[in-house]
Amino acid sequence: MDKRLQWLDSFEARGSDGRTYQVRAYEHLVRDESLPTGVDHWEPTGLAEYRLADGARVEARPDGKLTLANGVELAPPA
């Protein structure tokens, strides 16, 4: 099964360390194999992920907060 990421959005977020981070949101897509060969058709899986501009992962917690691996919490602009 082929998978890929599709860029959805980009926004700045203020970290609990006082720095500003560029966050990018992506959705996971999977190739729909039921269509005839030669036709590229991708369907969303319902999964999303966030990364910083440099590619570092951002964890989206169930409470809606975004955190970095080093524990810095991110808050999108109001």
PDB file of N, CA and C in Angstrom:
ATOM      1  N   MET A   1       0.848  -1.174   0.000  1.00  0.00           N
ATOM      2  CA  MET A   1       0.000   0.000   0.000  1.00  0.00           C
ATOM      3  C   MET A   1       0.894   1.238   0.000  1.00  0.00           C
ATOM      4  N   ASP A   2       0.701   2.090  -0.993  1.00  0.00           N
ATOM      5  CA  ASP A   2       1.476   3.324  -1.092  1.00  0.00           C
ATOM      6  C   ASP A   2       0.853   4.397  -0.218  1.00  0.00           C
ATOM      7  N   LYS A   3       1.710   5.136   0.469  1.00  0.00           N
ATOM      8  CA  LYS A   3       1.256   6.238   1.309  1.00  0.00           C
ATOM      9  C   LYS A   3       2.056   7.484   0.972  1.00  0.00           C
ATOM     10  N   ARG A   4       1.470   8.640   1.267  1.00  0.00           N
ATOM     11  CA  ARG A   4       2.194   9.899   1.116  1.00  0.00           C
ATOM     12  C   ARG A   4       1.546  10.957   2.011  1.00  0.00           C
ATOM     13  N   LEU A   5       2.251  12.065   2.164  1.00  0.00           N
ATOM     14  CA  LEU A   5       1.746  13.191   2.945  1.00  0.00           C
ATOM     15  C   LEU A   5       1.316  14.299   1.994  1.00  0.00           C
ATOM     16  N   GLN A   6       0.247  14.986   2.367  1.00  0.00           N
ATOM     17  CA  GLN A   6      -0.203  16.148   1.600  1.00  0.00           C
ATOM     18  C   GLN A   6      -0.217  17.345   2.532  1.00  0.00           C
ATOM     19  N   TRP A   7       0.442  18.417   2.113  1.00  0.00           N
ATOM     20  CA  TRP A   7       0.491  19.634   2.911  1.00  0.00           C
ATOM     21  C   TRP A   7      -0.901  20.236   3.001  1.00  0.00           C
ATOM     22  N   LEU A   8      -1.313  20.604   4.226  1.00  0.00           N
ATOM     23  CA  LEU A   8      -2.614  21.221   4.451  1.00  0.00           C
ATOM     24  C   LEU A   8      -2.516  22.700   4.797  1.00  0.00           C
ATOM     25  N   ASP A   9      -1.617  23.009   5.740  1.00  0.00           N
ATOM     26  CA  ASP A   9      -1.580  24.364   6.272  1.00  0.00           C
ATOM     27  C   ASP A   9      -0.212  24.631   6.879  1.00  0.00           C
ATOM     28  N   SER A  10       0.073  25.900   7.083  1.00  0.00           N
ATOM     29  CA  SER A  10       1.306  26.334   7.725  1.00  0.00           C
ATOM     30  C   SER A  10       0.950  27.518   8.617  1.00  0.00           C
ATOM     31  N   PHE A  11       1.506  27.539   9.826  1.00  0.00           N
ATOM     32  CA  PHE A  11       1.218  28.647  10.735  1.00  0.00           C
ATOM     33  C   PHE A  11       2.369  28.829  11.707  1.00  0.00           C
ATOM     34  N   GLU A  12       2.455  30.035  12.265  1.00  0.00           N
ATOM     35  CA  GLU A  12       3.455  30.313  13.285  1.00  0.00           C
ATOM     36  C   GLU A  12       2.856  30.009  14.653  1.00  0.00           C
ATOM     37  N   ALA A  13       3.683  29.487  15.545  1.00  0.00           N
ATOM     38  CA  ALA A  13       3.253  29.202  16.911  1.00  0.00           C
ATOM     39  C   ALA A  13       4.327  29.688  17.872  1.00  0.00           C
ATOM     40  N   ARG A  14       3.894  30.194  18.991  1.00  0.00           N
ATOM     41  CA  ARG A  14       4.811  30.668  20.033  1.00  0.00           C
ATOM     42  C   ARG A  14       5.080  29.517  20.983  1.00  0.00           C
ATOM     43  N   GLY A  15       6.373  29.250  21.211  1.00  0.00           N
ATOM     44  CA  GLY A  15       6.765  28.187  22.123  1.00  0.00           C
ATOM     45  C   GLY A  15       6.826  28.664  23.558  1.00  0.00           C
ATOM     46  N   SER A  16       6.693  27.727  24.495  1.00  0.00           N
ATOM     47  CA  SER A  16       6.787  28.071  25.911  1.00  0.00           C
ATOM     48  C   SER A  16       8.183  28.572  26.261  1.00  0.00           C
ATOM     49  N   ASP A  17       9.138  28.407  25.339  1.00  0.00           N
ATOM     50  CA  ASP A  17      10.493  28.922  25.519  1.00  0.00           C
ATOM     51  C   ASP A  17      10.649  30.347  24.978  1.00  0.00           C
ATOM     52  N   GLY A  18       9.541  30.935  24.480  1.00  0.00           N
ATOM     53  CA  GLY A  18       9.569  32.304  23.970  1.00  0.00           C
ATOM     54  C   GLY A  18       9.913  32.427  22.496  1.00  0.00           C
ATOM     55  N   ARG A  19      10.320  31.340  21.871  1.00  0.00           N
ATOM     56  CA  ARG A  19      10.668  31.375  20.447  1.00  0.00           C
ATOM     57  C   ARG A  19       9.431  31.212  19.576  1.00  0.00           C
ATOM     58  N   THR A  20       9.523  31.666  18.327  1.00  0.00           N
ATOM     59  CA  THR A  20       8.459  31.484  17.356  1.00  0.00           C
ATOM     60  C   THR A  20       8.855  30.345  16.418  1.00  0.00           C
ATOM     61  N   TYR A  21       7.929  29.431  16.177  1.00  0.00           N
ATOM     62  CA  TYR A  21       8.178  28.260  15.336  1.00  0.00           C
ATOM     63  C   TYR A  21       7.220  28.258  14.155  1.00  0.00           C
ATOM     64  N   GLN A  22       7.702  27.811  13.012  1.00  0.00           N
ATOM     65  CA  GLN A  22       6.863  27.624  11.830  1.00  0.00           C
ATOM     66  C   GLN A  22       6.392  26.168  11.833  1.00  0.00           C
ATOM     67  N   VAL A  23       5.080  25.958  11.954  1.00  0.00           N
ATOM     68  CA  VAL A  23       4.502  24.617  12.033  1.00  0.00           C
ATOM     69  C   VAL A  23       3.773  24.329  10.727  1.00  0.00           C
ATOM     70  N   ARG A  24       3.929  23.112  10.237  1.00  0.00           N
ATOM     71  CA  ARG A  24       3.253  22.681   9.008  1.00  0.00           C
ATOM     72  C   ARG A  24       2.380  21.472   9.320  1.00  0.00           C
ATOM     73  N   ALA A  25       1.164  21.508   8.814  1.00  0.00           N
ATOM     74  CA  ALA A  25       0.220  20.403   9.022  1.00  0.00           C
ATOM     75  C   ALA A  25       0.103  19.599   7.736  1.00  0.00           C
ATOM     76  N   TYR A  26       0.105  18.287   7.875  1.00  0.00           N
ATOM     77  CA  TYR A  26      -0.008  17.365   6.737  1.00  0.00           C
ATOM     78  C   TYR A  26      -1.078  16.330   7.027  1.00  0.00           C
ATOM     79  N   GLU A  27      -1.719  15.822   5.970  1.00  0.00           N
ATOM     80  CA  GLU A  27      -2.613  14.689   6.138  1.00  0.00           C
ATOM     81  C   GLU A  27      -2.015  13.489   5.416  1.00  0.00           C
ATOM     82  N   HIS A  28      -2.274  12.316   5.948  1.00  0.00           N
ATOM     83  CA  HIS A  28      -1.811  11.074   5.351  1.00  0.00           C
ATOM     84  C   HIS A  28      -2.785  10.654   4.255  1.00  0.00           C
ATOM     85  N   LEU A  29      -2.239  10.286   3.113  1.00  0.00           N
ATOM     86  CA  LEU A  29      -3.036   9.788   1.993  1.00  0.00           C
ATOM     87  C   LEU A  29      -2.580   8.382   1.638  1.00  0.00           C
ATOM     88  N   VAL A  30      -3.504   7.590   1.111  1.00  0.00           N
ATOM     89  CA  VAL A  30      -3.181   6.246   0.649  1.00  0.00           C
ATOM     90  C   VAL A  30      -3.720   6.108  -0.780  1.00  0.00           C
ATOM     91  N   ARG A  31      -2.957   5.407  -1.615  1.00  0.00           N
ATOM     92  CA  ARG A  31      -3.370   5.213  -3.008  1.00  0.00           C
ATOM     93  C   ARG A  31      -4.580   4.278  -3.055  1.00  0.00           C
ATOM     94  N   ASP A  32      -5.577   4.660  -3.841  1.00  0.00           N
ATOM     95  CA  ASP A  32      -6.768   3.834  -4.041  1.00  0.00           C
ATOM     96  C   ASP A  32      -6.451   2.846  -5.153  1.00  0.00           C
ATOM     97  N   GLU A  33      -6.226   1.588  -4.773  1.00  0.00           N
ATOM     98  CA  GLU A  33      -5.824   0.549  -5.736  1.00  0.00           C
ATOM     99  C   GLU A  33      -7.010   0.000  -6.538  1.00  0.00           C
ATOM    100  N   SER A  34      -8.233   0.408  -6.210  1.00  0.00           N
ATOM    101  CA  SER A  34      -9.407  -0.142  -6.888  1.00  0.00           C
ATOM    102  C   SER A  34      -9.625   0.464  -8.275  1.00  0.00           C
ATOM    103  N   LEU A  35      -8.932   1.548  -8.570  1.00  0.00           N
ATOM    104  CA  LEU A  35      -9.086   2.187  -9.876  1.00  0.00           C
ATOM    105  C   LEU A  35      -8.150   1.553 -10.897  1.00  0.00           C
ATOM    106  N   PRO A  36      -8.482   1.677 -12.185  1.00  0.00           N
ATOM    107  CA  PRO A  36      -7.651   1.058 -13.230  1.00  0.00           C
ATOM    108  C   PRO A  36      -6.199   1.547 -13.182  1.00  0.00           C
ATOM    109  N   THR A  37      -5.302   0.682 -13.616  1.00  0.00           N
ATOM    110  CA  THR A  37      -3.881   1.012 -13.671  1.00  0.00           C
ATOM    111  C   THR A  37      -3.663   2.276 -14.493  1.00  0.00           C
ATOM    112  N   GLY A  38      -2.711   3.091 -14.047  1.00  0.00           N
ATOM    113  CA  GLY A  38      -2.390   4.318 -14.757  1.00  0.00           C
ATOM    114  C   GLY A  38      -3.120   5.531 -14.217  1.00  0.00           C
ATOM    115  N   VAL A  39      -4.086   5.304 -13.348  1.00  0.00           N
ATOM    116  CA  VAL A  39      -4.828   6.415 -12.758  1.00  0.00           C
ATOM    117  C   VAL A  39      -4.371   6.569 -11.317  1.00  0.00           C
ATOM    118  N   ASP A  40      -3.772   7.706 -11.010  1.00  0.00           N
ATOM    119  CA  ASP A  40      -3.346   7.985  -9.639  1.00  0.00           C
ATOM    120  C   ASP A  40      -4.479   8.643  -8.874  1.00  0.00           C
ATOM    121  N   HIS A  41      -5.000   7.943  -7.881  1.00  0.00           N
ATOM    122  CA  HIS A  41      -6.064   8.495  -7.055  1.00  0.00           C
ATOM    123  C   HIS A  41      -5.709   8.232  -5.596  1.00  0.00           C
ATOM    124  N   TRP A  42      -5.657   9.312  -4.805  1.00  0.00           N
ATOM    125  CA  TRP A  42      -5.257   9.216  -3.410  1.00  0.00           C
ATOM    126  C   TRP A  42      -6.415   9.594  -2.504  1.00  0.00           C
ATOM    127  N   GLU A  43      -6.583   8.841  -1.424  1.00  0.00           N
ATOM    128  CA  GLU A  43      -7.665   9.065  -0.472  1.00  0.00           C
ATOM    129  C   GLU A  43      -7.078   9.407   0.892  1.00  0.00           C
ATOM    130  N   PRO A  44      -7.708  10.332   1.640  1.00  0.00           N
ATOM    131  CA  PRO A  44      -7.242  10.629   2.997  1.00  0.00           C
ATOM    132  C   PRO A  44      -7.513   9.449   3.926  1.00  0.00           C
ATOM    133  N   THR A  45      -6.609   9.251   4.876  1.00  0.00           N
ATOM    134  CA  THR A  45      -6.762   8.162   5.846  1.00  0.00           C
ATOM    135  C   THR A  45      -7.416   8.639   7.140  1.00  0.00           C
ATOM    136  N   GLY A  46      -7.544   9.945   7.307  1.00  0.00           N
ATOM    137  CA  GLY A  46      -8.083  10.484   8.543  1.00  0.00           C
ATOM    138  C   GLY A  46      -7.006  10.810   9.562  1.00  0.00           C
ATOM    139  N   LEU A  47      -5.747  10.534   9.212  1.00  0.00           N
ATOM    140  CA  LEU A  47      -4.633  10.838  10.097  1.00  0.00           C
ATOM    141  C   LEU A  47      -3.945  12.121   9.644  1.00  0.00           C
ATOM    142  N   ALA A  48      -3.520  12.904  10.611  1.00  0.00           N
ATOM    143  CA  ALA A  48      -2.791  14.139  10.319  1.00  0.00           C
ATOM    144  C   ALA A  48      -1.528  14.151  11.167  1.00  0.00           C
ATOM    145  N   GLU A  49      -0.560  14.918  10.746  1.00  0.00           N
ATOM    146  CA  GLU A  49       0.648  15.099  11.551  1.00  0.00           C
ATOM    147  C   GLU A  49       1.163  16.512  11.371  1.00  0.00           C
ATOM    148  N   TYR A  50       1.941  16.934  12.354  1.00  0.00           N
ATOM    149  CA  TYR A  50       2.524  18.271  12.357  1.00  0.00           C
ATOM    150  C   TYR A  50       4.034  18.151  12.412  1.00  0.00           C
ATOM    151  N   ARG A  51       4.703  19.054  11.696  1.00  0.00           N
ATOM    152  CA  ARG A  51       6.160  19.113  11.692  1.00  0.00           C
ATOM    153  C   ARG A  51       6.584  20.571  11.682  1.00  0.00           C
ATOM    154  N   LEU A  52       7.777  20.805  12.206  1.00  0.00           N
ATOM    155  CA  LEU A  52       8.363  22.136  12.092  1.00  0.00           C
ATOM    156  C   LEU A  52       8.919  22.298  10.690  1.00  0.00           C
ATOM    157  N   ALA A  53       9.257  23.519  10.322  1.00  0.00           N
ATOM    158  CA  ALA A  53       9.797  23.795   8.991  1.00  0.00           C
ATOM    159  C   ALA A  53      11.062  22.990   8.719  1.00  0.00           C
ATOM    160  N   ASP A  54      11.833  22.666   9.777  1.00  0.00           N
ATOM    161  CA  ASP A  54      13.061  21.882   9.586  1.00  0.00           C
ATOM    162  C   ASP A  54      12.799  20.376   9.549  1.00  0.00           C
ATOM    163  N   GLY A  55      11.528  19.955   9.641  1.00  0.00           N
ATOM    164  CA  GLY A  55      11.174  18.546   9.560  1.00  0.00           C
ATOM    165  C   GLY A  55      10.993  17.857  10.901  1.00  0.00           C
ATOM    166  N   ALA A  56      11.338  18.521  12.006  1.00  0.00           N
ATOM    167  CA  ALA A  56      11.175  17.910  13.328  1.00  0.00           C
ATOM    168  C   ALA A  56       9.696  17.681  13.614  1.00  0.00           C
ATOM    169  N   ARG A  57       9.400  16.540  14.208  1.00  0.00           N
ATOM    170  CA  ARG A  57       8.011  16.194  14.514  1.00  0.00           C
ATOM    171  C   ARG A  57       7.456  17.019  15.663  1.00  0.00           C
ATOM    172  N   VAL A  58       6.174  17.289  15.570  1.00  0.00           N
ATOM    173  CA  VAL A  58       5.433  17.982  16.616  1.00  0.00           C
ATOM    174  C   VAL A  58       4.315  17.036  17.042  1.00  0.00           C
ATOM    175  N   GLU A  59       4.212  16.785  18.348  1.00  0.00           N
ATOM    176  CA  GLU A  59       3.176  15.890  18.846  1.00  0.00           C
ATOM    177  C   GLU A  59       1.886  16.670  19.092  1.00  0.00           C
ATOM    178  N   ALA A  60       0.784  16.177  18.537  1.00  0.00           N
ATOM    179  CA  ALA A  60      -0.539  16.756  18.788  1.00  0.00           C
ATOM    180  C   ALA A  60      -1.186  15.924  19.886  1.00  0.00           C
ATOM    181  N   ARG A  61      -1.357  16.521  21.048  1.00  0.00           N
ATOM    182  CA  ARG A  61      -1.935  15.803  22.183  1.00  0.00           C
ATOM    183  C   ARG A  61      -3.459  15.804  22.097  1.00  0.00           C
ATOM    184  N   PRO A  62      -4.101  14.860  22.790  1.00  0.00           N
ATOM    185  CA  PRO A  62      -5.574  14.786  22.761  1.00  0.00           C
ATOM    186  C   PRO A  62      -6.257  16.064  23.245  1.00  0.00           C
ATOM    187  N   ASP A  63      -5.592  16.829  24.116  1.00  0.00           N
ATOM    188  CA  ASP A  63      -6.190  18.067  24.613  1.00  0.00           C
ATOM    189  C   ASP A  63      -6.026  19.231  23.631  1.00  0.00           C
ATOM    190  N   GLY A  64      -5.446  18.953  22.445  1.00  0.00           N
ATOM    191  CA  GLY A  64      -5.286  19.967  21.410  1.00  0.00           C
ATOM    192  C   GLY A  64      -3.973  20.718  21.454  1.00  0.00           C
ATOM    193  N   LYS A  65      -3.173  20.499  22.495  1.00  0.00           N
ATOM    194  CA  LYS A  65      -1.883  21.184  22.593  1.00  0.00           C
ATOM    195  C   LYS A  65      -0.855  20.501  21.701  1.00  0.00           C
ATOM    196  N   LEU A  66       0.073  21.308  21.206  1.00  0.00           N
ATOM    197  CA  LEU A  66       1.174  20.812  20.386  1.00  0.00           C
ATOM    198  C   LEU A  66       2.449  20.901  21.207  1.00  0.00           C
ATOM    199  N   THR A  67       3.261  19.836  21.187  1.00  0.00           N
ATOM    200  CA  THR A  67       4.512  19.840  21.938  1.00  0.00           C
ATOM    201  C   THR A  67       5.644  19.313  21.075  1.00  0.00           C
ATOM    202  N   LEU A  68       6.847  19.806  21.370  1.00  0.00           N
ATOM    203  CA  LEU A  68       8.065  19.336  20.708  1.00  0.00           C
ATOM    204  C   LEU A  68       8.674  18.213  21.532  1.00  0.00           C
ATOM    205  N   ALA A  69       9.601  17.481  20.952  1.00  0.00           N
ATOM    206  CA  ALA A  69      10.245  16.369  21.650  1.00  0.00           C
ATOM    207  C   ALA A  69      10.986  16.819  22.908  1.00  0.00           C
ATOM    208  N   ASN A  70      11.442  18.084  22.934  1.00  0.00           N
ATOM    209  CA  ASN A  70      12.178  18.578  24.094  1.00  0.00           C
ATOM    210  C   ASN A  70      11.249  19.130  25.177  1.00  0.00           C
ATOM    211  N   GLY A  71       9.916  18.963  24.999  1.00  0.00           N
ATOM    212  CA  GLY A  71       8.950  19.391  26.007  1.00  0.00           C
ATOM    213  C   GLY A  71       8.393  20.781  25.830  1.00  0.00           C
ATOM    214  N   VAL A  72       8.873  21.520  24.849  1.00  0.00           N
ATOM    215  CA  VAL A  72       8.363  22.872  24.594  1.00  0.00           C
ATOM    216  C   VAL A  72       6.925  22.760  24.087  1.00  0.00           C
ATOM    217  N   GLU A  73       6.010  23.494  24.708  1.00  0.00           N
ATOM    218  CA  GLU A  73       4.616  23.537  24.251  1.00  0.00           C
ATOM    219  C   GLU A  73       4.454  24.689  23.284  1.00  0.00           C
ATOM    220  N   LEU A  74       3.648  24.467  22.237  1.00  0.00           N
ATOM    221  CA  LEU A  74       3.410  25.477  21.216  1.00  0.00           C
ATOM    222  C   LEU A  74       1.977  25.983  21.306  1.00  0.00           C
ATOM    223  N   ALA A  75       1.820  27.278  21.146  1.00  0.00           N
ATOM    224  CA  ALA A  75       0.500  27.907  21.149  1.00  0.00           C
ATOM    225  C   ALA A  75       0.337  28.688  19.858  1.00  0.00           C
ATOM    226  N   PRO A  76      -0.665  28.338  19.028  1.00  0.00           N
ATOM    227  CA  PRO A  76      -0.883  29.103  17.812  1.00  0.00           C
ATOM    228  C   PRO A  76      -1.310  30.521  18.133  1.00  0.00           C
ATOM    229  N   PRO A  77      -1.089  31.454  17.210  1.00  0.00           N
ATOM    230  CA  PRO A  77      -1.486  32.842  17.480  1.00  0.00           C
ATOM    231  C   PRO A  77      -2.996  32.955  17.658  1.00  0.00           C
ATOM    232  N   ALA A  78      -3.399  33.892  18.508  1.00  0.00           N
ATOM    233  CA  ALA A  78      -4.833  34.071  18.791  1.00  0.00           C
ATOM    234  C   ALA A  78      -5.557  34.724  17.641  1.00  0.00           C
TER     235      ALA A  78
END
